[in-house]
Amino acid sequence: MKKTANVKTKKSKMTLDKLAQISQQEFLAVGEQFDKVDHRFDKVDEDMKILRRDMETGFGELSSGVKEIMTKLDDIQNDVIEIHDLRGRVERLEKKVGLSH
């Protein structure tokens, strides 16, 4: 077996000041990352507001279109009822005058 040489690495002594500096640097780094994430959420928030506005506008237009269609369908339904009534009258009149088929 080959023996490895004992190499002593010089370890710097950790002091309270060094620990405080390291902690401060890490807190600052975390704060910077938080600011980046927070900034990205600003964009998401802005996009959500735009999306909500566009959806509300679209739903308003859709609702307006549906109301218009319903009004037209009501008119058509009234016309169909009137035509049915008029056909019945015409048939009765044709019978009275002898034009019935």
PDB file of N, CA and C in Angstrom:
ATOM      1  N   MET A   1       0.826  -1.181   0.000  1.00  0.00           N
ATOM      2  CA  MET A   1       0.000   0.000   0.000  1.00  0.00           C
ATOM      3  C   MET A   1       0.862   1.231   0.000  1.00  0.00           C
ATOM      4  N   LYS A   2       0.404   2.174  -0.725  1.00  0.00           N
ATOM      5  CA  LYS A   2       1.148   3.405  -0.830  1.00  0.00           C
ATOM      6  C   LYS A   2       0.660   4.360   0.241  1.00  0.00           C
ATOM      7  N   LYS A   3       1.571   4.960   0.941  1.00  0.00           N
ATOM      8  CA  LYS A   3       1.191   5.898   1.988  1.00  0.00           C
ATOM      9  C   LYS A   3       1.071   7.278   1.375  1.00  0.00           C
ATOM     10  N   THR A   4       0.026   7.962   1.780  1.00  0.00           N
ATOM     11  CA  THR A   4      -0.167   9.331   1.293  1.00  0.00           C
ATOM     12  C   THR A   4       0.428  10.267   2.312  1.00  0.00           C
ATOM     13  N   ALA A   5       0.951  11.323   1.807  1.00  0.00           N
ATOM     14  CA  ALA A   5       1.579  12.305   2.690  1.00  0.00           C
ATOM     15  C   ALA A   5       0.501  13.081   3.414  1.00  0.00           C
ATOM     16  N   ASN A   6       0.727  13.325   4.637  1.00  0.00           N
ATOM     17  CA  ASN A   6      -0.185  14.158   5.424  1.00  0.00           C
ATOM     18  C   ASN A   6       0.012  15.606   5.014  1.00  0.00           C
ATOM     19  N   VAL A   7      -0.988  16.113   4.327  1.00  0.00           N
ATOM     20  CA  VAL A   7      -0.907  17.504   3.912  1.00  0.00           C
ATOM     21  C   VAL A   7      -1.861  18.270   4.801  1.00  0.00           C
ATOM     22  N   LYS A   8      -1.332  19.183   5.523  1.00  0.00           N
ATOM     23  CA  LYS A   8      -2.179  19.983   6.396  1.00  0.00           C
ATOM     24  C   LYS A   8      -2.640  21.201   5.608  1.00  0.00           C
ATOM     25  N   THR A   9      -3.954  21.351   5.563  1.00  0.00           N
ATOM     26  CA  THR A   9      -4.485  22.541   4.915  1.00  0.00           C
ATOM     27  C   THR A   9      -4.673  23.592   5.975  1.00  0.00           C
ATOM     28  N   LYS A  10      -4.364  24.772   5.585  1.00  0.00           N
ATOM     29  CA  LYS A  10      -4.471  25.864   6.542  1.00  0.00           C
ATOM     30  C   LYS A  10      -5.926  26.316   6.560  1.00  0.00           C
ATOM     31  N   LYS A  11      -6.573  26.102   7.658  1.00  0.00           N
ATOM     32  CA  LYS A  11      -7.956  26.526   7.805  1.00  0.00           C
ATOM     33  C   LYS A  11      -7.949  27.880   8.482  1.00  0.00           C
ATOM     34  N   SER A  12      -8.716  28.787   7.879  1.00  0.00           N
ATOM     35  CA  SER A  12      -8.796  30.096   8.520  1.00  0.00           C
ATOM     36  C   SER A  12      -9.775  29.986   9.674  1.00  0.00           C
ATOM     37  N   LYS A  13      -9.465  30.701  10.680  1.00  0.00           N
ATOM     38  CA  LYS A  13     -10.280  30.663  11.881  1.00  0.00           C
ATOM     39  C   LYS A  13     -11.541  31.464  11.645  1.00  0.00           C
ATOM     40  N   MET A  14     -12.692  30.858  11.956  1.00  0.00           N
ATOM     41  CA  MET A  14     -13.969  31.537  11.803  1.00  0.00           C
ATOM     42  C   MET A  14     -14.170  32.440  13.010  1.00  0.00           C
ATOM     43  N   THR A  15     -14.396  33.683  12.711  1.00  0.00           N
ATOM     44  CA  THR A  15     -14.660  34.632  13.796  1.00  0.00           C
ATOM     45  C   THR A  15     -16.104  35.068  13.699  1.00  0.00           C
ATOM     46  N   LEU A  16     -16.569  35.679  14.724  1.00  0.00           N
ATOM     47  CA  LEU A  16     -17.932  36.173  14.767  1.00  0.00           C
ATOM     48  C   LEU A  16     -18.148  37.226  13.684  1.00  0.00           C
ATOM     49  N   ASP A  17     -17.143  38.064  13.441  1.00  0.00           N
ATOM     50  CA  ASP A  17     -17.248  39.083  12.401  1.00  0.00           C
ATOM     51  C   ASP A  17     -17.359  38.452  11.014  1.00  0.00           C
ATOM     52  N   LYS A  18     -16.541  37.411  10.760  1.00  0.00           N
ATOM     53  CA  LYS A  18     -16.597  36.738   9.470  1.00  0.00           C
ATOM     54  C   LYS A  18     -17.956  36.070   9.272  1.00  0.00           C
ATOM     55  N   LEU A  19     -18.458  35.427  10.308  1.00  0.00           N
ATOM     56  CA  LEU A  19     -19.768  34.780  10.247  1.00  0.00           C
ATOM     57  C   LEU A  19     -20.860  35.816   9.984  1.00  0.00           C
ATOM     58  N   ALA A  20     -20.743  36.953  10.615  1.00  0.00           N
ATOM     59  CA  ALA A  20     -21.729  38.027  10.404  1.00  0.00           C
ATOM     60  C   ALA A  20     -21.658  38.531   8.967  1.00  0.00           C
ATOM     61  N   GLN A  21     -20.440  38.675   8.423  1.00  0.00           N
ATOM     62  CA  GLN A  21     -20.297  39.132   7.041  1.00  0.00           C
ATOM     63  C   GLN A  21     -20.881  38.118   6.057  1.00  0.00           C
ATOM     64  N   ILE A  22     -20.594  36.847   6.284  1.00  0.00           N
ATOM     65  CA  ILE A  22     -21.123  35.792   5.416  1.00  0.00           C
ATOM     66  C   ILE A  22     -22.650  35.786   5.476  1.00  0.00           C
ATOM     67  N   SER A  23     -23.180  35.886   6.684  1.00  0.00           N
ATOM     68  CA  SER A  23     -24.639  35.904   6.845  1.00  0.00           C
ATOM     69  C   SER A  23     -25.246  37.103   6.133  1.00  0.00           C
ATOM     70  N   GLN A  24     -24.614  38.252   6.279  1.00  0.00           N
ATOM     71  CA  GLN A  24     -25.121  39.460   5.626  1.00  0.00           C
ATOM     72  C   GLN A  24     -25.107  39.301   4.103  1.00  0.00           C
ATOM     73  N   GLN A  25     -24.012  38.747   3.565  1.00  0.00           N
ATOM     74  CA  GLN A  25     -23.922  38.545   2.124  1.00  0.00           C
ATOM     75  C   GLN A  25     -25.019  37.595   1.632  1.00  0.00           C
ATOM     76  N   GLU A  26     -25.257  36.555   2.392  1.00  0.00           N
ATOM     77  CA  GLU A  26     -26.292  35.587   1.995  1.00  0.00           C
ATOM     78  C   GLU A  26     -27.674  36.213   2.055  1.00  0.00           C
ATOM     79  N   PHE A  27     -27.955  36.997   3.085  1.00  0.00           N
ATOM     80  CA  PHE A  27     -29.250  37.673   3.184  1.00  0.00           C
ATOM     81  C   PHE A  27     -29.429  38.659   2.032  1.00  0.00           C
ATOM     82  N   LEU A  28     -28.360  39.362   1.675  1.00  0.00           N
ATOM     83  CA  LEU A  28     -28.440  40.287   0.542  1.00  0.00           C
ATOM     84  C   LEU A  28     -28.703  39.530  -0.761  1.00  0.00           C
ATOM     85  N   ALA A  29     -28.045  38.389  -0.936  1.00  0.00           N
ATOM     86  CA  ALA A  29     -28.243  37.575  -2.138  1.00  0.00           C
ATOM     87  C   ALA A  29     -29.682  37.069  -2.211  1.00  0.00           C
ATOM     88  N   VAL A  30     -30.195  36.628  -1.077  1.00  0.00           N
ATOM     89  CA  VAL A  30     -31.592  36.166  -1.034  1.00  0.00           C
ATOM     90  C   VAL A  30     -32.526  37.331  -1.352  1.00  0.00           C
ATOM     91  N   GLY A  31     -32.230  38.493  -0.806  1.00  0.00           N
ATOM     92  CA  GLY A  31     -33.041  39.679  -1.074  1.00  0.00           C
ATOM     93  C   GLY A  31     -33.040  40.047  -2.543  1.00  0.00           C
ATOM     94  N   GLU A  32     -31.881  39.946  -3.195  1.00  0.00           N
ATOM     95  CA  GLU A  32     -31.791  40.244  -4.620  1.00  0.00           C
ATOM     96  C   GLU A  32     -32.623  39.250  -5.428  1.00  0.00           C
ATOM     97  N   GLN A  33     -32.544  37.985  -5.069  1.00  0.00           N
ATOM     98  CA  GLN A  33     -33.339  36.971  -5.773  1.00  0.00           C
ATOM     99  C   GLN A  33     -34.831  37.204  -5.556  1.00  0.00           C
ATOM    100  N   PHE A  34     -35.195  37.572  -4.345  1.00  0.00           N
ATOM    101  CA  PHE A  34     -36.600  37.863  -4.050  1.00  0.00           C
ATOM    102  C   PHE A  34     -37.080  39.043  -4.895  1.00  0.00           C
ATOM    103  N   ASP A  35     -36.247  40.077  -5.025  1.00  0.00           N
ATOM    104  CA  ASP A  35     -36.611  41.239  -5.844  1.00  0.00           C
ATOM    105  C   ASP A  35     -36.831  40.833  -7.303  1.00  0.00           C
ATOM    106  N   LYS A  36     -35.980  39.924  -7.812  1.00  0.00           N
ATOM    107  CA  LYS A  36     -36.136  39.450  -9.190  1.00  0.00           C
ATOM    108  C   LYS A  36     -37.462  38.706  -9.355  1.00  0.00           C
ATOM    109  N   VAL A  37     -37.755  37.827  -8.414  1.00  0.00           N
ATOM    110  CA  VAL A  37     -39.006  37.067  -8.473  1.00  0.00           C
ATOM    111  C   VAL A  37     -40.199  38.015  -8.331  1.00  0.00           C
ATOM    112  N   ASP A  38     -40.099  38.949  -7.407  1.00  0.00           N
ATOM    113  CA  ASP A  38     -41.175  39.917  -7.187  1.00  0.00           C
ATOM    114  C   ASP A  38     -41.408  40.731  -8.455  1.00  0.00           C
ATOM    115  N   HIS A  39     -40.338  41.107  -9.130  1.00  0.00           N
ATOM    116  CA  HIS A  39     -40.453  41.879 -10.376  1.00  0.00           C
ATOM    117  C   HIS A  39     -41.162  41.051 -11.451  1.00  0.00           C
ATOM    118  N   ARG A  40     -40.858  39.748 -11.516  1.00  0.00           N
ATOM    119  CA  ARG A  40     -41.527  38.892 -12.499  1.00  0.00           C
ATOM    120  C   ARG A  40     -43.011  38.785 -12.197  1.00  0.00           C
ATOM    121  N   PHE A  41     -43.390  38.785 -10.926  1.00  0.00           N
ATOM    122  CA  PHE A  41     -44.806  38.729 -10.580  1.00  0.00           C
ATOM    123  C   PHE A  41     -45.518  40.025 -10.934  1.00  0.00           C
ATOM    124  N   ASP A  42     -44.789  41.143 -10.973  1.00  0.00           N
ATOM    125  CA  ASP A  42     -45.392  42.399 -11.430  1.00  0.00           C
ATOM    126  C   ASP A  42     -45.883  42.233 -12.863  1.00  0.00           C
ATOM    127  N   LYS A  43     -45.082  41.593 -13.701  1.00  0.00           N
ATOM    128  CA  LYS A  43     -45.454  41.356 -15.093  1.00  0.00           C
ATOM    129  C   LYS A  43     -46.659  40.418 -15.167  1.00  0.00           C
ATOM    130  N   VAL A  44     -46.668  39.374 -14.350  1.00  0.00           N
ATOM    131  CA  VAL A  44     -47.793  38.437 -14.333  1.00  0.00           C
ATOM    132  C   VAL A  44     -49.063  39.165 -13.898  1.00  0.00           C
ATOM    133  N   ASP A  45     -48.941  40.006 -12.894  1.00  0.00           N
ATOM    134  CA  ASP A  45     -50.088  40.775 -12.408  1.00  0.00           C
ATOM    135  C   ASP A  45     -50.629  41.688 -13.503  1.00  0.00           C
ATOM    136  N   GLU A  46     -49.733  42.338 -14.225  1.00  0.00           N
ATOM    137  CA  GLU A  46     -50.141  43.220 -15.328  1.00  0.00           C
ATOM    138  C   GLU A  46     -50.828  42.403 -16.430  1.00  0.00           C
ATOM    139  N   ASP A  47     -50.260  41.243 -16.758  1.00  0.00           N
ATOM    140  CA  ASP A  47     -50.856  40.383 -17.784  1.00  0.00           C
ATOM    141  C   ASP A  47     -52.247  39.902 -17.354  1.00  0.00           C
ATOM    142  N   MET A  48     -52.411  39.574 -16.086  1.00  0.00           N
ATOM    143  CA  MET A  48     -53.713  39.121 -15.578  1.00  0.00           C
ATOM    144  C   MET A  48     -54.750  40.241 -15.673  1.00  0.00           C
ATOM    145  N   LYS A  49     -54.345  41.473 -15.390  1.00  0.00           N
ATOM    146  CA  LYS A  49     -55.278  42.602 -15.500  1.00  0.00           C
ATOM    147  C   LYS A  49     -55.707  42.795 -16.949  1.00  0.00           C
ATOM    148  N   ILE A  50     -54.754  42.685 -17.876  1.00  0.00           N
ATOM    149  CA  ILE A  50     -55.078  42.810 -19.300  1.00  0.00           C
ATOM    150  C   ILE A  50     -56.016  41.687 -19.722  1.00  0.00           C
ATOM    151  N   LEU A  51     -55.710  40.460 -19.301  1.00  0.00           N
ATOM    152  CA  LEU A  51     -56.542  39.312 -19.635  1.00  0.00           C
ATOM    153  C   LEU A  51     -57.957  39.487 -19.098  1.00  0.00           C
ATOM    154  N   ARG A  52     -58.072  39.930 -17.842  1.00  0.00           N
ATOM    155  CA  ARG A  52     -59.394  40.140 -17.244  1.00  0.00           C
ATOM    156  C   ARG A  52     -60.175  41.191 -18.026  1.00  0.00           C
ATOM    157  N   ARG A  53     -59.515  42.303 -18.376  1.00  0.00           N
ATOM    158  CA  ARG A  53     -60.182  43.368 -19.124  1.00  0.00           C
ATOM    159  C   ARG A  53     -60.667  42.850 -20.475  1.00  0.00           C
ATOM    160  N   ASP A  54     -59.787  42.108 -21.173  1.00  0.00           N
ATOM    161  CA  ASP A  54     -60.156  41.572 -22.486  1.00  0.00           C
ATOM    162  C   ASP A  54     -61.307  40.572 -22.376  1.00  0.00           C
ATOM    163  N   MET A  55     -61.276  39.734 -21.354  1.00  0.00           N
ATOM    164  CA  MET A  55     -62.347  38.755 -21.166  1.00  0.00           C
ATOM    165  C   MET A  55     -63.667  39.452 -20.850  1.00  0.00           C
ATOM    166  N   GLU A  56     -63.636  40.462 -19.990  1.00  0.00           N
ATOM    167  CA  GLU A  56     -64.865  41.181 -19.662  1.00  0.00           C
ATOM    168  C   GLU A  56     -65.440  41.863 -20.894  1.00  0.00           C
ATOM    169  N   THR A  57     -64.554  42.441 -21.723  1.00  0.00           N
ATOM    170  CA  THR A  57     -65.007  43.074 -22.960  1.00  0.00           C
ATOM    171  C   THR A  57     -65.625  42.027 -23.887  1.00  0.00           C
ATOM    172  N   GLY A  58     -64.936  40.903 -24.036  1.00  0.00           N
ATOM    173  CA  GLY A  58     -65.434  39.832 -24.907  1.00  0.00           C
ATOM    174  C   GLY A  58     -66.761  39.276 -24.429  1.00  0.00           C
ATOM    175  N   PHE A  59     -66.890  39.056 -23.111  1.00  0.00           N
ATOM    176  CA  PHE A  59     -68.147  38.535 -22.581  1.00  0.00           C
ATOM    177  C   PHE A  59     -69.270  39.554 -22.738  1.00  0.00           C
ATOM    178  N   GLY A  60     -68.937  40.842 -22.613  1.00  0.00           N
ATOM    179  CA  GLY A  60     -69.940  41.882 -22.813  1.00  0.00           C
ATOM    180  C   GLY A  60     -70.445  41.880 -24.241  1.00  0.00           C
ATOM    181  N   GLU A  61     -69.520  41.760 -25.204  1.00  0.00           N
ATOM    182  CA  GLU A  61     -69.902  41.704 -26.613  1.00  0.00           C
ATOM    183  C   GLU A  61     -70.711  40.447 -26.903  1.00  0.00           C
ATOM    184  N   LEU A  62     -70.299  39.333 -26.324  1.00  0.00           N
ATOM    185  CA  LEU A  62     -71.014  38.076 -26.515  1.00  0.00           C
ATOM    186  C   LEU A  62     -72.430  38.172 -25.957  1.00  0.00           C
ATOM    187  N   SER A  63     -72.548  38.740 -24.771  1.00  0.00           N
ATOM    188  CA  SER A  63     -73.859  38.907 -24.141  1.00  0.00           C
ATOM    189  C   SER A  63     -74.757  39.784 -24.998  1.00  0.00           C
ATOM    190  N   SER A  64     -74.197  40.854 -25.521  1.00  0.00           N
ATOM    191  CA  SER A  64     -74.958  41.750 -26.394  1.00  0.00           C
ATOM    192  C   SER A  64     -75.432  41.012 -27.640  1.00  0.00           C
ATOM    193  N   GLY A  65     -74.553  40.212 -28.233  1.00  0.00           N
ATOM    194  CA  GLY A  65     -74.916  39.431 -29.418  1.00  0.00           C
ATOM    195  C   GLY A  65     -76.005  38.423 -29.127  1.00  0.00           C
ATOM    196  N   VAL A  66     -75.921  37.760 -27.987  1.00  0.00           N
ATOM    197  CA  VAL A  66     -76.938  36.772 -27.606  1.00  0.00           C
ATOM    198  C   VAL A  66     -78.287  37.465 -27.401  1.00  0.00           C
ATOM    199  N   LYS A  67     -78.280  38.640 -26.771  1.00  0.00           N
ATOM    200  CA  LYS A  67     -79.533  39.384 -26.575  1.00  0.00           C
ATOM    201  C   LYS A  67     -80.164  39.742 -27.920  1.00  0.00           C
ATOM    202  N   GLU A  68     -79.326  40.164 -28.871  1.00  0.00           N
ATOM    203  CA  GLU A  68     -79.829  40.512 -30.206  1.00  0.00           C
ATOM    204  C   GLU A  68     -80.433  39.295 -30.888  1.00  0.00           C
ATOM    205  N   ILE A  69     -79.769  38.154 -30.782  1.00  0.00           N
ATOM    206  CA  ILE A  69     -80.274  36.911 -31.376  1.00  0.00           C
ATOM    207  C   ILE A  69     -81.591  36.520 -30.731  1.00  0.00           C
ATOM    208  N   MET A  70     -81.676  36.627 -29.417  1.00  0.00           N
ATOM    209  CA  MET A  70     -82.911  36.270 -28.709  1.00  0.00           C
ATOM    210  C   MET A  70     -84.067  37.169 -29.149  1.00  0.00           C
ATOM    211  N   THR A  71     -83.788  38.451 -29.323  1.00  0.00           N
ATOM    212  CA  THR A  71     -84.832  39.377 -29.789  1.00  0.00           C
ATOM    213  C   THR A  71     -85.318  38.965 -31.179  1.00  0.00           C
ATOM    214  N   LYS A  72     -84.372  38.637 -32.064  1.00  0.00           N
ATOM    215  CA  LYS A  72     -84.755  38.219 -33.411  1.00  0.00           C
ATOM    216  C   LYS A  72     -85.541  36.910 -33.384  1.00  0.00           C
ATOM    217  N   LEU A  73     -85.136  35.981 -32.525  1.00  0.00           N
ATOM    218  CA  LEU A  73     -85.863  34.715 -32.416  1.00  0.00           C
ATOM    219  C   LEU A  73     -87.281  34.938 -31.890  1.00  0.00           C
ATOM    220  N   ASP A  74     -87.423  35.863 -30.940  1.00  0.00           N
ATOM    221  CA  ASP A  74     -88.763  36.191 -30.443  1.00  0.00           C
ATOM    222  C   ASP A  74     -89.629  36.734 -31.569  1.00  0.00           C
ATOM    223  N   ASP A  75     -89.046  37.612 -32.407  1.00  0.00           N
ATOM    224  CA  ASP A  75     -89.786  38.165 -33.550  1.00  0.00           C
ATOM    225  C   ASP A  75     -90.186  37.058 -34.515  1.00  0.00           C
ATOM    226  N   ILE A  76     -89.259  36.138 -34.794  1.00  0.00           N
ATOM    227  CA  ILE A  76     -89.550  35.019 -35.698  1.00  0.00           C
ATOM    228  C   ILE A  76     -90.652  34.144 -35.115  1.00  0.00           C
ATOM    229  N   GLN A  77     -90.574  33.877 -33.821  1.00  0.00           N
ATOM    230  CA  GLN A  77     -91.598  33.058 -33.178  1.00  0.00           C
ATOM    231  C   GLN A  77     -92.971  33.732 -33.289  1.00  0.00           C
ATOM    232  N   ASN A  78     -93.027  35.029 -33.070  1.00  0.00           N
ATOM    233  CA  ASN A  78     -94.291  35.755 -33.191  1.00  0.00           C
ATOM    234  C   ASN A  78     -94.807  35.707 -34.633  1.00  0.00           C
ATOM    235  N   ASP A  79     -93.875  35.823 -35.609  1.00  0.00           N
ATOM    236  CA  ASP A  79     -94.277  35.734 -37.015  1.00  0.00           C
ATOM    237  C   ASP A  79     -94.836  34.348 -37.331  1.00  0.00           C
ATOM    238  N   VAL A  80     -94.205  33.296 -36.832  1.00  0.00           N
ATOM    239  CA  VAL A  80     -94.672  31.921 -37.077  1.00  0.00           C
ATOM    240  C   VAL A  80     -96.065  31.738 -36.485  1.00  0.00           C
ATOM    241  N   ILE A  81     -96.277  32.244 -35.276  1.00  0.00           N
ATOM    242  CA  ILE A  81     -97.601  32.131 -34.650  1.00  0.00           C
ATOM    243  C   ILE A  81     -98.645  32.876 -35.489  1.00  0.00           C
ATOM    244  N   GLU A  82     -98.286  34.064 -35.943  1.00  0.00           N
ATOM    245  CA  GLU A  82     -99.210  34.868 -36.750  1.00  0.00           C
ATOM    246  C   GLU A  82     -99.509  34.181 -38.088  1.00  0.00           C
ATOM    247  N   ILE A  83     -98.470  33.633 -38.737  1.00  0.00           N
ATOM    248  CA  ILE A  83     -98.665  32.933 -40.012  1.00  0.00           C
ATOM    249  C   ILE A  83     -99.572  31.722 -39.819  1.00  0.00           C
ATOM    250  N   HIS A  84     -99.342  30.973 -38.742  1.00  0.00           N
ATOM    251  CA  HIS A  84    -100.174  29.800 -38.449  1.00  0.00           C
ATOM    252  C   HIS A  84    -101.633  30.225 -38.264  1.00  0.00           C
ATOM    253  N   ASP A  85    -101.837  31.310 -37.536  1.00  0.00           N
ATOM    254  CA  ASP A  85    -103.190  31.822 -37.313  1.00  0.00           C
ATOM    255  C   ASP A  85    -103.825  32.259 -38.636  1.00  0.00           C
ATOM    256  N   LEU A  86    -103.048  32.966 -39.467  1.00  0.00           N
ATOM    257  CA  LEU A  86    -103.573  33.440 -40.758  1.00  0.00           C
ATOM    258  C   LEU A  86    -103.908  32.266 -41.690  1.00  0.00           C
ATOM    259  N   ARG A  87    -103.083  31.230 -41.680  1.00  0.00           N
ATOM    260  CA  ARG A  87    -103.369  30.042 -42.506  1.00  0.00           C
ATOM    261  C   ARG A  87    -104.695  29.401 -42.086  1.00  0.00           C
ATOM    262  N   GLY A  88    -104.876  29.341 -40.776  1.00  0.00           N
ATOM    263  CA  GLY A  88    -106.143  28.772 -40.290  1.00  0.00           C
ATOM    264  C   GLY A  88    -107.326  29.606 -40.752  1.00  0.00           C
ATOM    265  N   ARG A  89    -107.195  30.908 -40.712  1.00  0.00           N
ATOM    266  CA  ARG A  89    -108.279  31.795 -41.173  1.00  0.00           C
ATOM    267  C   ARG A  89    -108.537  31.614 -42.667  1.00  0.00           C
ATOM    268  N   VAL A  90    -107.434  31.557 -43.445  1.00  0.00           N
ATOM    269  CA  VAL A  90    -107.584  31.390 -44.888  1.00  0.00           C
ATOM    270  C   VAL A  90    -108.285  30.073 -45.192  1.00  0.00           C
ATOM    271  N   GLU A  91    -107.920  29.003 -44.504  1.00  0.00           N
ATOM    272  CA  GLU A  91    -108.556  27.698 -44.726  1.00  0.00           C
ATOM    273  C   GLU A  91    -110.051  27.775 -44.422  1.00  0.00           C
ATOM    274  N   ARG A  92    -110.413  28.429 -43.347  1.00  0.00           N
ATOM    275  CA  ARG A  92    -111.838  28.551 -42.990  1.00  0.00           C
ATOM    276  C   ARG A  92    -112.591  29.373 -44.036  1.00  0.00           C
ATOM    277  N   LEU A  93    -111.944  30.462 -44.502  1.00  0.00           N
ATOM    278  CA  LEU A  93    -112.586  31.286 -45.532  1.00  0.00           C
ATOM    279  C   LEU A  93    -112.744  30.509 -46.843  1.00  0.00           C
ATOM    280  N   GLU A  94    -111.714  29.730 -47.212  1.00  0.00           N
ATOM    281  CA  GLU A  94    -111.805  28.931 -48.437  1.00  0.00           C
ATOM    282  C   GLU A  94    -112.938  27.917 -48.340  1.00  0.00           C
ATOM    283  N   LYS A  95    -113.110  27.330 -47.152  1.00  0.00           N
ATOM    284  CA  LYS A  95    -114.207  26.374 -46.967  1.00  0.00           C
ATOM    285  C   LYS A  95    -115.544  27.079 -47.146  1.00  0.00           C
ATOM    286  N   LYS A  96    -115.667  28.275 -46.580  1.00  0.00           N
ATOM    287  CA  LYS A  96    -116.940  29.010 -46.647  1.00  0.00           C
ATOM    288  C   LYS A  96    -117.304  29.363 -48.085  1.00  0.00           C
ATOM    289  N   VAL A  97    -116.311  29.718 -48.866  1.00  0.00           N
ATOM    290  CA  VAL A  97    -116.612  30.112 -50.248  1.00  0.00           C
ATOM    291  C   VAL A  97    -116.493  28.950 -51.218  1.00  0.00           C
ATOM    292  N   GLY A  98    -116.153  27.776 -50.713  1.00  0.00           N
ATOM    293  CA  GLY A  98    -116.130  26.583 -51.547  1.00  0.00           C
ATOM    294  C   GLY A  98    -114.845  26.396 -52.333  1.00  0.00           C
ATOM    295  N   LEU A  99    -113.749  26.954 -51.871  1.00  0.00           N
ATOM    296  CA  LEU A  99    -112.471  26.775 -52.556  1.00  0.00           C
ATOM    297  C   LEU A  99    -111.586  25.738 -51.880  1.00  0.00           C
ATOM    298  N   SER A 100    -112.144  24.983 -51.009  1.00  0.00           N
ATOM    299  CA  SER A 100    -111.359  24.023 -50.235  1.00  0.00           C
ATOM    300  C   SER A 100    -110.882  22.906 -51.135  1.00  0.00           C
ATOM    301  N   HIS A 101    -109.687  22.380 -50.898  1.00  0.00           N
ATOM    302  CA  HIS A 101    -109.076  21.318 -51.733  1.00  0.00           C
ATOM    303  C   HIS A 101    -109.553  19.987 -51.296  1.00  0.00           C
TER     304      HIS A 101
END
